[in-house]
Amino acid sequence: MDQEQQKSTNPEKIVLGRITGVYGLKGWLKVFSHTDPMESIVDFSPWYIRPEAGSVKSRQSAPWTKVKLKAGKRHAKTVIVKLEHCNDCDQAQAYIGSEIAIEQSQLDELRDENEFYWRDLIGLRVINQQNVELGVVTKMMETGANDVLVVSSQEEHGAEKKEHLIPWTMQQAIIAVDLEQGVIEVDWDQNF
């Protein structure tokens, strides 16, 4: 990696993917993207990357390095990219395993009051119309028909975890989302 690249320790990064390998001899890299569609990851520049470290704790404390994207495209079932200052296979090897992130300010503004970034829903409490708390959103899943909230809760005795899979269907299963209060109201039976 080029020594002149800026270092950043700002924790407000949004991870969009990971560099998984080298493509060819001229410094191109293979990328696993979390964006939808996957090639949308190349629409963001600069990227912030940090190398894979031994433990999660040491990786989270590692500084982010700002890099510029020269080119990128979908190639078969993956995305390939060319970073500035990465011109051969040996330089590209140093990036393998690195997380790819952007700053929050690089995200598009949401156009509709019922649009949310998945990352904003994680951790919200989920309450049904009978005012029963079902748990908190632990992750989102993409399915063929619609996205799904994964809601996890501890049973009252603390030993058993319960999980609800609630379809992300606004005005059907999802009644309201209040980001300020940290609550999603759902039309969902607590036993389902």
C-alpha atoms as a PDB file:
ATOM      1  CA  MET A   1       0.000   0.000   0.000  1.00  0.00           C
ATOM      2  CA  ASP A   2       1.230   3.488  -0.822  1.00  0.00           C
ATOM      3  CA  GLN A   3       2.636   5.329   2.217  1.00  0.00           C
ATOM      4  CA  GLU A   4       1.127   8.647   1.099  1.00  0.00           C
ATOM      5  CA  GLN A   5      -2.453   7.436   1.423  1.00  0.00           C
ATOM      6  CA  GLN A   6      -4.341   9.200   4.180  1.00  0.00           C
ATOM      7  CA  LYS A   7      -5.037   7.334   7.411  1.00  0.00           C
ATOM      8  CA  SER A   8      -8.340   7.744   9.216  1.00  0.00           C
ATOM      9  CA  THR A   9      -9.485   6.472  12.611  1.00  0.00           C
ATOM     10  CA  ASN A  10     -13.038   7.834  12.284  1.00  0.00           C
ATOM     11  CA  PRO A  11     -15.359   5.073  13.563  1.00  0.00           C
ATOM     12  CA  GLU A  12     -18.304   6.269  11.439  1.00  0.00           C
ATOM     13  CA  LYS A  13     -17.521   4.000   8.512  1.00  0.00           C
ATOM     14  CA  ILE A  14     -20.029   1.769   6.755  1.00  0.00           C
ATOM     15  CA  VAL A  15     -18.599  -1.543   5.569  1.00  0.00           C
ATOM     16  CA  LEU A  16     -19.685  -2.351   2.007  1.00  0.00           C
ATOM     17  CA  GLY A  17     -17.540  -5.372   1.238  1.00  0.00           C
ATOM     18  CA  ARG A  18     -14.167  -7.099   1.319  1.00  0.00           C
ATOM     19  CA  ILE A  19     -11.264  -7.596  -1.061  1.00  0.00           C
ATOM     20  CA  THR A  20     -11.080 -11.335  -1.706  1.00  0.00           C
ATOM     21  CA  GLY A  21      -8.333 -11.853  -4.257  1.00  0.00           C
ATOM     22  CA  VAL A  22      -6.167 -10.702  -7.127  1.00  0.00           C
ATOM     23  CA  TYR A  23      -7.430 -10.607 -10.712  1.00  0.00           C
ATOM     24  CA  GLY A  24      -4.742 -10.760 -13.383  1.00  0.00           C
ATOM     25  CA  LEU A  25      -1.248  -9.327 -13.344  1.00  0.00           C
ATOM     26  CA  LYS A  26      -1.893  -5.563 -13.518  1.00  0.00           C
ATOM     27  CA  GLY A  27      -3.142  -4.894  -9.979  1.00  0.00           C
ATOM     28  CA  TRP A  28      -6.852  -5.611 -10.385  1.00  0.00           C
ATOM     29  CA  LEU A  29      -8.647  -6.985  -7.324  1.00  0.00           C
ATOM     30  CA  LYS A  30     -11.681  -9.224  -6.763  1.00  0.00           C
ATOM     31  CA  VAL A  31     -14.286  -7.807  -4.398  1.00  0.00           C
ATOM     32  CA  PHE A  32     -17.130  -9.358  -2.428  1.00  0.00           C
ATOM     33  CA  SER A  33     -19.813  -6.656  -2.265  1.00  0.00           C
ATOM     34  CA  HIS A  34     -22.717  -6.243   0.172  1.00  0.00           C
ATOM     35  CA  THR A  35     -24.402  -3.667  -2.086  1.00  0.00           C
ATOM     36  CA  ASP A  36     -27.445  -4.429  -4.220  1.00  0.00           C
ATOM     37  CA  PRO A  37     -26.768  -4.724  -7.052  1.00  0.00           C
ATOM     38  CA  MET A  38     -23.267  -5.911  -6.203  1.00  0.00           C
ATOM     39  CA  GLU A  39     -21.572  -3.675  -8.770  1.00  0.00           C
ATOM     40  CA  SER A  40     -22.953  -0.560  -7.025  1.00  0.00           C
ATOM     41  CA  ILE A  41     -19.920  -0.703  -4.743  1.00  0.00           C
ATOM     42  CA  VAL A  42     -17.875   0.877  -7.555  1.00  0.00           C
ATOM     43  CA  ASP A  43     -20.159   3.946  -7.514  1.00  0.00           C
ATOM     44  CA  PHE A  44     -18.471   5.072  -4.297  1.00  0.00           C
ATOM     45  CA  SER A  45     -15.074   6.719  -4.199  1.00  0.00           C
ATOM     46  CA  PRO A  46     -13.005   7.195  -2.192  1.00  0.00           C
ATOM     47  CA  TRP A  47     -13.036   3.921  -0.323  1.00  0.00           C
ATOM     48  CA  TYR A  48     -11.640   3.377   3.126  1.00  0.00           C
ATOM     49  CA  ILE A  49      -9.948   0.042   3.648  1.00  0.00           C
ATOM     50  CA  ARG A  50      -8.303  -1.659   6.568  1.00  0.00           C
ATOM     51  CA  PRO A  51      -6.325  -4.854   6.391  1.00  0.00           C
ATOM     52  CA  GLU A  52      -7.500  -8.076   7.902  1.00  0.00           C
ATOM     53  CA  ALA A  53      -5.949  -8.461  11.326  1.00  0.00           C
ATOM     54  CA  GLY A  54      -5.693 -11.449  13.611  1.00  0.00           C
ATOM     55  CA  SER A  55      -8.592 -10.732  15.955  1.00  0.00           C
ATOM     56  CA  VAL A  56     -11.816  -8.774  15.601  1.00  0.00           C
ATOM     57  CA  LYS A  57     -10.679  -6.403  18.359  1.00  0.00           C
ATOM     58  CA  SER A  58      -7.361  -5.591  16.661  1.00  0.00           C
ATOM     59  CA  ARG A  59      -9.115  -5.168  13.283  1.00  0.00           C
ATOM     60  CA  GLN A  60     -11.639  -2.725  14.791  1.00  0.00           C
ATOM     61  CA  SER A  61      -8.846  -0.602  16.241  1.00  0.00           C
ATOM     62  CA  ALA A  62      -6.823  -0.595  13.010  1.00  0.00           C
ATOM     63  CA  PRO A  63      -6.897   2.710  11.111  1.00  0.00           C
ATOM     64  CA  TRP A  64      -8.760   3.044   7.829  1.00  0.00           C
ATOM     65  CA  THR A  65      -6.707   3.927   4.748  1.00  0.00           C
ATOM     66  CA  LYS A  66      -8.296   6.188   2.142  1.00  0.00           C
ATOM     67  CA  VAL A  67      -7.888   4.918  -1.441  1.00  0.00           C
ATOM     68  CA  LYS A  68      -9.211   6.108  -4.787  1.00  0.00           C
ATOM     69  CA  LEU A  69     -10.931   3.818  -7.230  1.00  0.00           C
ATOM     70  CA  LYS A  70      -9.616   4.095 -10.793  1.00  0.00           C
ATOM     71  CA  ALA A  71     -12.020   1.584 -12.363  1.00  0.00           C
ATOM     72  CA  GLY A  72     -14.422  -1.164 -11.457  1.00  0.00           C
ATOM     73  CA  LYS A  73     -17.029  -3.411 -13.020  1.00  0.00           C
ATOM     74  CA  ARG A  74     -19.020  -6.578 -12.637  1.00  0.00           C
ATOM     75  CA  HIS A  75     -17.162  -9.572 -14.045  1.00  0.00           C
ATOM     76  CA  ALA A  76     -19.100 -12.859 -14.153  1.00  0.00           C
ATOM     77  CA  LYS A  77     -20.275 -13.529 -10.571  1.00  0.00           C
ATOM     78  CA  THR A  78     -17.949 -11.048  -8.894  1.00  0.00           C
ATOM     79  CA  VAL A  79     -16.791  -7.432  -9.032  1.00  0.00           C
ATOM     80  CA  ILE A  80     -13.272  -6.446 -10.055  1.00  0.00           C
ATOM     81  CA  VAL A  81     -11.653  -3.108  -9.280  1.00  0.00           C
ATOM     82  CA  LYS A  82      -8.480  -1.172  -9.970  1.00  0.00           C
ATOM     83  CA  LEU A  83      -7.201   1.054  -7.167  1.00  0.00           C
ATOM     84  CA  GLU A  84      -4.943   4.040  -7.659  1.00  0.00           C
ATOM     85  CA  HIS A  85      -1.293   3.141  -6.866  1.00  0.00           C
ATOM     86  CA  CYS A  86      -1.940  -0.604  -7.261  1.00  0.00           C
ATOM     87  CA  ASN A  87      -0.243  -1.553 -10.522  1.00  0.00           C
ATOM     88  CA  ASP A  88       0.903  -5.156 -10.222  1.00  0.00           C
ATOM     89  CA  CYS A  89       0.088  -8.503  -8.681  1.00  0.00           C
ATOM     90  CA  ASP A  90       2.489  -8.050  -5.752  1.00  0.00           C
ATOM     91  CA  GLN A  91       0.954  -4.716  -4.717  1.00  0.00           C
ATOM     92  CA  ALA A  92      -2.536  -6.205  -5.076  1.00  0.00           C
ATOM     93  CA  GLN A  93      -1.655  -9.104  -2.738  1.00  0.00           C
ATOM     94  CA  ALA A  94      -1.293  -6.640   0.160  1.00  0.00           C
ATOM     95  CA  TYR A  95      -5.000  -5.741  -0.092  1.00  0.00           C
ATOM     96  CA  ILE A  96      -6.425  -9.277   0.131  1.00  0.00           C
ATOM     97  CA  GLY A  97      -8.736  -9.645   3.126  1.00  0.00           C
ATOM     98  CA  SER A  98      -9.181  -5.899   3.604  1.00  0.00           C
ATOM     99  CA  GLU A  99     -12.596  -4.546   4.526  1.00  0.00           C
ATOM    100  CA  ILE A 100     -14.038  -1.870   2.231  1.00  0.00           C
ATOM    101  CA  ALA A 101     -16.001   1.000   3.769  1.00  0.00           C
ATOM    102  CA  ILE A 102     -17.304   4.456   3.001  1.00  0.00           C
ATOM    103  CA  GLU A 103     -18.221   7.413   5.169  1.00  0.00           C
ATOM    104  CA  GLN A 104     -21.856   7.918   6.071  1.00  0.00           C
ATOM    105  CA  SER A 105     -21.858  11.247   4.202  1.00  0.00           C
ATOM    106  CA  GLN A 106     -21.295   9.347   0.930  1.00  0.00           C
ATOM    107  CA  LEU A 107     -24.704   7.649   1.126  1.00  0.00           C
ATOM    108  CA  ASP A 108     -27.601   9.015  -0.905  1.00  0.00           C
ATOM    109  CA  GLU A 109     -30.347  10.839   0.930  1.00  0.00           C
ATOM    110  CA  LEU A 110     -33.452   8.681   1.305  1.00  0.00           C
ATOM    111  CA  ARG A 111     -36.345   9.983  -0.771  1.00  0.00           C
ATOM    112  CA  ASP A 112     -39.303   8.489   1.052  1.00  0.00           C
ATOM    113  CA  GLU A 113     -40.286   8.437   4.730  1.00  0.00           C
ATOM    114  CA  ASN A 114     -40.713   4.656   4.473  1.00  0.00           C
ATOM    115  CA  GLU A 115     -37.165   4.062   3.152  1.00  0.00           C
ATOM    116  CA  PHE A 116     -34.465   2.982   5.573  1.00  0.00           C
ATOM    117  CA  TYR A 117     -30.925   1.758   5.415  1.00  0.00           C
ATOM    118  CA  TRP A 118     -30.690  -1.720   6.919  1.00  0.00           C
ATOM    119  CA  ARG A 119     -27.946  -0.591   9.285  1.00  0.00           C
ATOM    120  CA  ASP A 120     -30.418   1.896  10.845  1.00  0.00           C
ATOM    121  CA  LEU A 121     -32.873  -0.908  11.671  1.00  0.00           C
ATOM    122  CA  ILE A 122     -30.390  -3.162  13.475  1.00  0.00           C
ATOM    123  CA  GLY A 123     -30.860  -2.878  17.239  1.00  0.00           C
ATOM    124  CA  LEU A 124     -34.382  -1.407  17.127  1.00  0.00           C
ATOM    125  CA  ARG A 125     -36.941  -2.881  19.530  1.00  0.00           C
ATOM    126  CA  VAL A 126     -39.894  -4.627  17.873  1.00  0.00           C
ATOM    127  CA  ILE A 127     -43.335  -4.354  19.479  1.00  0.00           C
ATOM    128  CA  ASN A 128     -46.566  -5.874  18.176  1.00  0.00           C
ATOM    129  CA  GLN A 129     -50.035  -4.302  18.215  1.00  0.00           C
ATOM    130  CA  GLN A 130     -50.825  -6.003  21.542  1.00  0.00           C
ATOM    131  CA  ASN A 131     -47.877  -4.044  23.000  1.00  0.00           C
ATOM    132  CA  VAL A 132     -45.780  -7.201  23.446  1.00  0.00           C
ATOM    133  CA  GLU A 133     -42.066  -6.674  22.881  1.00  0.00           C
ATOM    134  CA  LEU A 134     -40.858  -9.387  20.497  1.00  0.00           C
ATOM    135  CA  GLY A 135     -37.153  -8.534  20.804  1.00  0.00           C
ATOM    136  CA  VAL A 136     -34.636  -6.504  18.833  1.00  0.00           C
ATOM    137  CA  VAL A 137     -33.654  -6.577  15.174  1.00  0.00           C
ATOM    138  CA  THR A 138     -30.383  -8.512  14.986  1.00  0.00           C
ATOM    139  CA  LYS A 139     -30.066  -8.597  11.211  1.00  0.00           C
ATOM    140  CA  MET A 140     -31.891  -8.329   7.899  1.00  0.00           C
ATOM    141  CA  MET A 141     -32.139 -11.077   5.301  1.00  0.00           C
ATOM    142  CA  GLU A 142     -32.803 -10.771   1.622  1.00  0.00           C
ATOM    143  CA  THR A 143     -35.188 -13.353   0.206  1.00  0.00           C
ATOM    144  CA  GLY A 144     -36.661 -13.721  -3.247  1.00  0.00           C
ATOM    145  CA  ALA A 145     -40.028 -12.218  -2.346  1.00  0.00           C
ATOM    146  CA  ASN A 146     -39.125  -9.508   0.188  1.00  0.00           C
ATOM    147  CA  ASP A 147     -36.605  -8.597   2.850  1.00  0.00           C
ATOM    148  CA  VAL A 148     -37.026 -10.113   6.318  1.00  0.00           C
ATOM    149  CA  LEU A 149     -36.361  -8.721   9.804  1.00  0.00           C
ATOM    150  CA  VAL A 150     -34.636 -11.202  12.122  1.00  0.00           C
ATOM    151  CA  VAL A 151     -35.862 -10.346  15.610  1.00  0.00           C
ATOM    152  CA  SER A 152     -34.263 -12.067  18.614  1.00  0.00           C
ATOM    153  CA  SER A 153     -35.370 -12.030  22.222  1.00  0.00           C
ATOM    154  CA  GLN A 154     -34.420 -13.640  25.515  1.00  0.00           C
ATOM    155  CA  GLU A 155     -37.161 -15.624  27.180  1.00  0.00           C
ATOM    156  CA  GLU A 156     -38.139 -14.408  30.637  1.00  0.00           C
ATOM    157  CA  HIS A 157     -35.885 -16.920  32.381  1.00  0.00           C
ATOM    158  CA  GLY A 158     -32.933 -15.807  30.248  1.00  0.00           C
ATOM    159  CA  ALA A 159     -31.927 -19.279  29.082  1.00  0.00           C
ATOM    160  CA  GLU A 160     -33.832 -19.706  25.829  1.00  0.00           C
ATOM    161  CA  LYS A 161     -33.622 -17.386  22.854  1.00  0.00           C
ATOM    162  CA  LYS A 162     -36.578 -16.926  20.551  1.00  0.00           C
ATOM    163  CA  GLU A 163     -36.336 -15.699  16.992  1.00  0.00           C
ATOM    164  CA  HIS A 164     -39.037 -14.135  14.829  1.00  0.00           C
ATOM    165  CA  LEU A 165     -38.699 -13.786  11.059  1.00  0.00           C
ATOM    166  CA  ILE A 166     -40.921 -10.871  10.044  1.00  0.00           C
ATOM    167  CA  PRO A 167     -41.361  -9.905   6.382  1.00  0.00           C
ATOM    168  CA  TRP A 168     -40.493  -6.303   5.573  1.00  0.00           C
ATOM    169  CA  THR A 169     -43.883  -5.414   4.109  1.00  0.00           C
ATOM    170  CA  MET A 170     -44.861  -1.836   4.930  1.00  0.00           C
ATOM    171  CA  GLN A 171     -48.471  -1.293   5.995  1.00  0.00           C
ATOM    172  CA  GLN A 172     -48.894  -5.067   6.320  1.00  0.00           C
ATOM    173  CA  ALA A 173     -46.495  -6.754   8.759  1.00  0.00           C
ATOM    174  CA  ILE A 174     -44.601  -3.477   9.393  1.00  0.00           C
ATOM    175  CA  ILE A 175     -46.962  -0.823  10.765  1.00  0.00           C
ATOM    176  CA  ALA A 176     -44.548   1.960  11.733  1.00  0.00           C
ATOM    177  CA  VAL A 177     -40.852   2.671  12.228  1.00  0.00           C
ATOM    178  CA  ASP A 178     -39.713   5.313  14.720  1.00  0.00           C
ATOM    179  CA  LEU A 179     -35.953   5.716  14.497  1.00  0.00           C
ATOM    180  CA  GLU A 180     -35.900   8.408  17.201  1.00  0.00           C
ATOM    181  CA  GLN A 181     -37.650   6.149  19.721  1.00  0.00           C
ATOM    182  CA  GLY A 182     -35.819   3.061  18.441  1.00  0.00           C
ATOM    183  CA  VAL A 183     -39.024   1.094  17.859  1.00  0.00           C
ATOM    184  CA  ILE A 184     -40.666  -0.819  15.021  1.00  0.00           C
ATOM    185  CA  GLU A 185     -44.385  -1.539  15.417  1.00  0.00           C
ATOM    186  CA  VAL A 186     -45.516  -4.754  13.728  1.00  0.00           C
ATOM    187  CA  ASP A 187     -48.684  -6.717  13.084  1.00  0.00           C
ATOM    188  CA  TRP A 188     -47.223 -10.044  14.183  1.00  0.00           C
ATOM    189  CA  ASP A 189     -48.285 -12.735  16.650  1.00  0.00           C
ATOM    190  CA  GLN A 190     -45.821 -13.278  19.504  1.00  0.00           C
ATOM    191  CA  ASN A 191     -46.111 -17.060  19.077  1.00  0.00           C
ATOM    192  CA  PHE A 192     -45.269 -17.092  15.385  1.00  0.00           C
END
